C-alpha atoms as a PDB file:
ATOM      1  CA  MET A   1     -11.796  10.338  -3.760  1.00  0.00           C
ATOM      2  CA  ASN A   2     -10.030  13.304  -2.057  1.00  0.00           C
ATOM      3  CA  ASP A   3      -6.306  12.943  -0.198  1.00  0.00           C
ATOM      4  CA  GLN A   4      -7.868  12.917   3.467  1.00  0.00           C
ATOM      5  CA  THR A   5     -10.334   9.825   2.499  1.00  0.00           C
ATOM      6  CA  ILE A   6      -7.002   8.047   1.409  1.00  0.00           C
ATOM      7  CA  ARG A   7      -5.081   9.020   4.253  1.00  0.00           C
ATOM      8  CA  ASP A   8      -8.159   7.425   6.577  1.00  0.00           C
ATOM      9  CA  VAL A   9      -8.175   4.251   3.772  1.00  0.00           C
ATOM     10  CA  LEU A  10      -4.213   3.263   4.563  1.00  0.00           C
ATOM     11  CA  THR A  11      -4.090   4.313   8.229  1.00  0.00           C
ATOM     12  CA  ARG A  12      -6.863   1.896   8.892  1.00  0.00           C
ATOM     13  CA  ALA A  13      -5.280  -1.153   6.496  1.00  0.00           C
ATOM     14  CA  ARG A  14      -2.639  -3.243   7.696  1.00  0.00           C
ATOM     15  CA  ARG A  15      -3.317  -5.917   5.535  1.00  0.00           C
ATOM     16  CA  ILE A  16      -3.143  -5.500   1.549  1.00  0.00           C
ATOM     17  CA  ALA A  17      -3.254  -7.978  -1.007  1.00  0.00           C
ATOM     18  CA  LEU A  18      -1.510  -6.515  -4.331  1.00  0.00           C
ATOM     19  CA  VAL A  19      -2.988  -8.202  -7.266  1.00  0.00           C
ATOM     20  CA  GLY A  20      -0.768  -7.876 -10.430  1.00  0.00           C
ATOM     21  CA  ALA A  21       2.497  -8.469  -8.732  1.00  0.00           C
ATOM     22  CA  SER A  22       5.574  -8.359 -10.594  1.00  0.00           C
ATOM     23  CA  ASP A  23       8.912  -9.350  -9.907  1.00  0.00           C
ATOM     24  CA  ARG A  24      10.299  -6.933 -12.413  1.00  0.00           C
ATOM     25  CA  PRO A  25      11.585  -3.442 -10.507  1.00  0.00           C
ATOM     26  CA  GLU A  26      10.490  -1.212 -13.422  1.00  0.00           C
ATOM     27  CA  ARG A  27       6.992  -2.216 -12.717  1.00  0.00           C
ATOM     28  CA  PRO A  28       4.914  -0.082 -11.224  1.00  0.00           C
ATOM     29  CA  SER A  29       3.288  -2.867  -8.832  1.00  0.00           C
ATOM     30  CA  TYR A  30       6.982  -3.665  -7.830  1.00  0.00           C
ATOM     31  CA  GLY A  31       7.479  -0.159  -6.369  1.00  0.00           C
ATOM     32  CA  VAL A  32       3.911   0.154  -4.760  1.00  0.00           C
ATOM     33  CA  MET A  33       4.664  -3.315  -3.048  1.00  0.00           C
ATOM     34  CA  LYS A  34       8.568  -2.368  -1.946  1.00  0.00           C
ATOM     35  CA  TYR A  35       6.823   0.465  -0.549  1.00  0.00           C
ATOM     36  CA  LEU A  36       4.187  -0.808   1.604  1.00  0.00           C
ATOM     37  CA  LEU A  37       6.432  -3.180   2.905  1.00  0.00           C
ATOM     38  CA  ASP A  38       8.910  -0.774   3.778  1.00  0.00           C
ATOM     39  CA  GLN A  39       6.489   1.238   5.273  1.00  0.00           C
ATOM     40  CA  GLY A  40       4.979  -1.769   7.910  1.00  0.00           C
ATOM     41  CA  TYR A  41       2.151  -2.930   5.841  1.00  0.00           C
ATOM     42  CA  GLU A  42       1.468  -7.117   5.219  1.00  0.00           C
ATOM     43  CA  VAL A  43       1.209  -7.254   1.540  1.00  0.00           C
ATOM     44  CA  ILE A  44       0.013 -10.571   0.338  1.00  0.00           C
ATOM     45  CA  LEU A  45       1.116 -11.073  -3.381  1.00  0.00           C
ATOM     46  CA  VAL A  46      -1.433 -12.248  -6.045  1.00  0.00           C
ATOM     47  CA  SER A  47       0.119 -13.142  -9.004  1.00  0.00           C
ATOM     48  CA  PRO A  48      -0.618 -16.867 -11.097  1.00  0.00           C
ATOM     49  CA  LYS A  49       2.952 -16.365 -12.837  1.00  0.00           C
ATOM     50  CA  LEU A  50       4.413 -15.597  -8.938  1.00  0.00           C
ATOM     51  CA  ALA A  51       2.389 -18.351  -7.369  1.00  0.00           C
ATOM     52  CA  GLY A  52       4.424 -20.161  -4.888  1.00  0.00           C
ATOM     53  CA  LYS A  53       7.384 -18.171  -5.308  1.00  0.00           C
ATOM     54  CA  THR A  54       9.052 -15.373  -2.650  1.00  0.00           C
ATOM     55  CA  LEU A  55       9.006 -12.124  -3.868  1.00  0.00           C
ATOM     56  CA  LEU A  56      10.971  -9.207  -1.296  1.00  0.00           C
ATOM     57  CA  GLY A  57      10.356 -11.872   1.524  1.00  0.00           C
ATOM     58  CA  GLN A  58       6.519 -12.545   0.989  1.00  0.00           C
ATOM     59  CA  GLN A  59       5.195 -15.887  -0.602  1.00  0.00           C
ATOM     60  CA  ALA A  60       2.947 -15.141  -3.945  1.00  0.00           C
ATOM     61  CA  CYS A  61      -0.414 -17.130  -4.690  1.00  0.00           C
ATOM     62  CA  ALA A  62      -2.645 -17.093  -7.819  1.00  0.00           C
ATOM     63  CA  THR A  63      -5.643 -15.808  -6.808  1.00  0.00           C
ATOM     64  CA  LEU A  64      -7.208 -13.771  -3.919  1.00  0.00           C
ATOM     65  CA  ALA A  65      -9.549 -16.832  -3.004  1.00  0.00           C
ATOM     66  CA  GLU A  66      -6.059 -18.994  -2.027  1.00  0.00           C
ATOM     67  CA  ALA A  67      -4.671 -15.769  -0.264  1.00  0.00           C
ATOM     68  CA  PRO A  68      -4.835 -16.404   3.757  1.00  0.00           C
ATOM     69  CA  GLY A  69      -7.253 -14.392   6.152  1.00  0.00           C
ATOM     70  CA  LYS A  70      -9.112 -11.275   5.660  1.00  0.00           C
ATOM     71  CA  MET A  71      -7.656  -8.382   3.178  1.00  0.00           C
ATOM     72  CA  ASP A  72      -8.378  -4.792   4.203  1.00  0.00           C
ATOM     73  CA  MET A  73      -7.644  -3.758   1.403  1.00  0.00           C
ATOM     74  CA  VAL A  74      -6.851  -5.225  -2.244  1.00  0.00           C
ATOM     75  CA  ASP A  75      -4.925  -3.232  -4.404  1.00  0.00           C
ATOM     76  CA  VAL A  76      -5.324  -4.058  -8.677  1.00  0.00           C
ATOM     77  CA  PHE A  77      -2.197  -3.621 -11.124  1.00  0.00           C
ATOM     78  CA  ARG A  78      -4.624  -5.202 -13.722  1.00  0.00           C
ATOM     79  CA  ASN A  79      -5.873  -3.705 -16.837  1.00  0.00           C
ATOM     80  CA  SER A  80      -9.915  -2.735 -16.972  1.00  0.00           C
ATOM     81  CA  GLU A  81     -10.482  -6.112 -18.803  1.00  0.00           C
ATOM     82  CA  ALA A  82      -9.706  -7.636 -15.603  1.00  0.00           C
ATOM     83  CA  ALA A  83     -10.827  -5.255 -13.265  1.00  0.00           C
ATOM     84  CA  TRP A  84     -14.644  -6.619 -12.609  1.00  0.00           C
ATOM     85  CA  GLY A  85     -13.289 -10.332 -12.055  1.00  0.00           C
ATOM     86  CA  VAL A  86     -10.819  -8.843  -9.755  1.00  0.00           C
ATOM     87  CA  ALA A  87     -13.720  -6.816  -7.960  1.00  0.00           C
ATOM     88  CA  ARG A  88     -16.123  -9.827  -7.798  1.00  0.00           C
ATOM     89  CA  GLU A  89     -12.774 -11.842  -6.085  1.00  0.00           C
ATOM     90  CA  ALA A  90     -12.446  -8.714  -3.335  1.00  0.00           C
ATOM     91  CA  ILE A  91     -15.949  -9.052  -2.220  1.00  0.00           C
ATOM     92  CA  ALA A  92     -16.041 -12.885  -2.089  1.00  0.00           C
ATOM     93  CA  ALA A  93     -12.765 -12.310   0.198  1.00  0.00           C
ATOM     94  CA  GLY A  94     -14.636  -9.689   2.084  1.00  0.00           C
ATOM     95  CA  ALA A  95     -12.272  -6.803   1.417  1.00  0.00           C
ATOM     96  CA  ASP A  96     -12.855  -3.797   2.913  1.00  0.00           C
ATOM     97  CA  THR A  97     -11.397  -1.730   0.186  1.00  0.00           C
ATOM     98  CA  LEU A  98     -10.334  -1.993  -3.473  1.00  0.00           C
ATOM     99  CA  SER A  99      -8.007   0.279  -5.249  1.00  0.00           C
ATOM    100  CA  LEU A 100      -7.451   0.680  -9.143  1.00  0.00           C
ATOM    101  CA  GLN A 101      -4.983   2.177 -10.869  1.00  0.00           C
ATOM    102  CA  LEU A 102      -5.680   5.768 -12.364  1.00  0.00           C
ATOM    103  CA  GLY A 103      -7.542   5.101 -15.645  1.00  0.00           C
ATOM    104  CA  VAL A 104      -9.062   1.774 -14.892  1.00  0.00           C
ATOM    105  CA  ILE A 105     -12.601   1.374 -14.917  1.00  0.00           C
END
């Protein structure tokens, strides 16, 4: 995927589910979550560990199926073993785009 395609996806997306959200500031998912919020995106936090808690003003849910409404993008911070299951959940939720970390296949 080239830079222009990524730019186009991020320009169209307004609601982003962040799967694998963390409450630890040193984790990449925390930095991405904060950046997206600071840029004005609506970020839905998905993490069984954080479900029911509020982080950076956002309520977390356990699964994508529990996330309210349609997601424009699902940004995944999980390992390769979990990626296929998250991809199936994203399809079922009607997400337009799925983004995985570099190296996750």
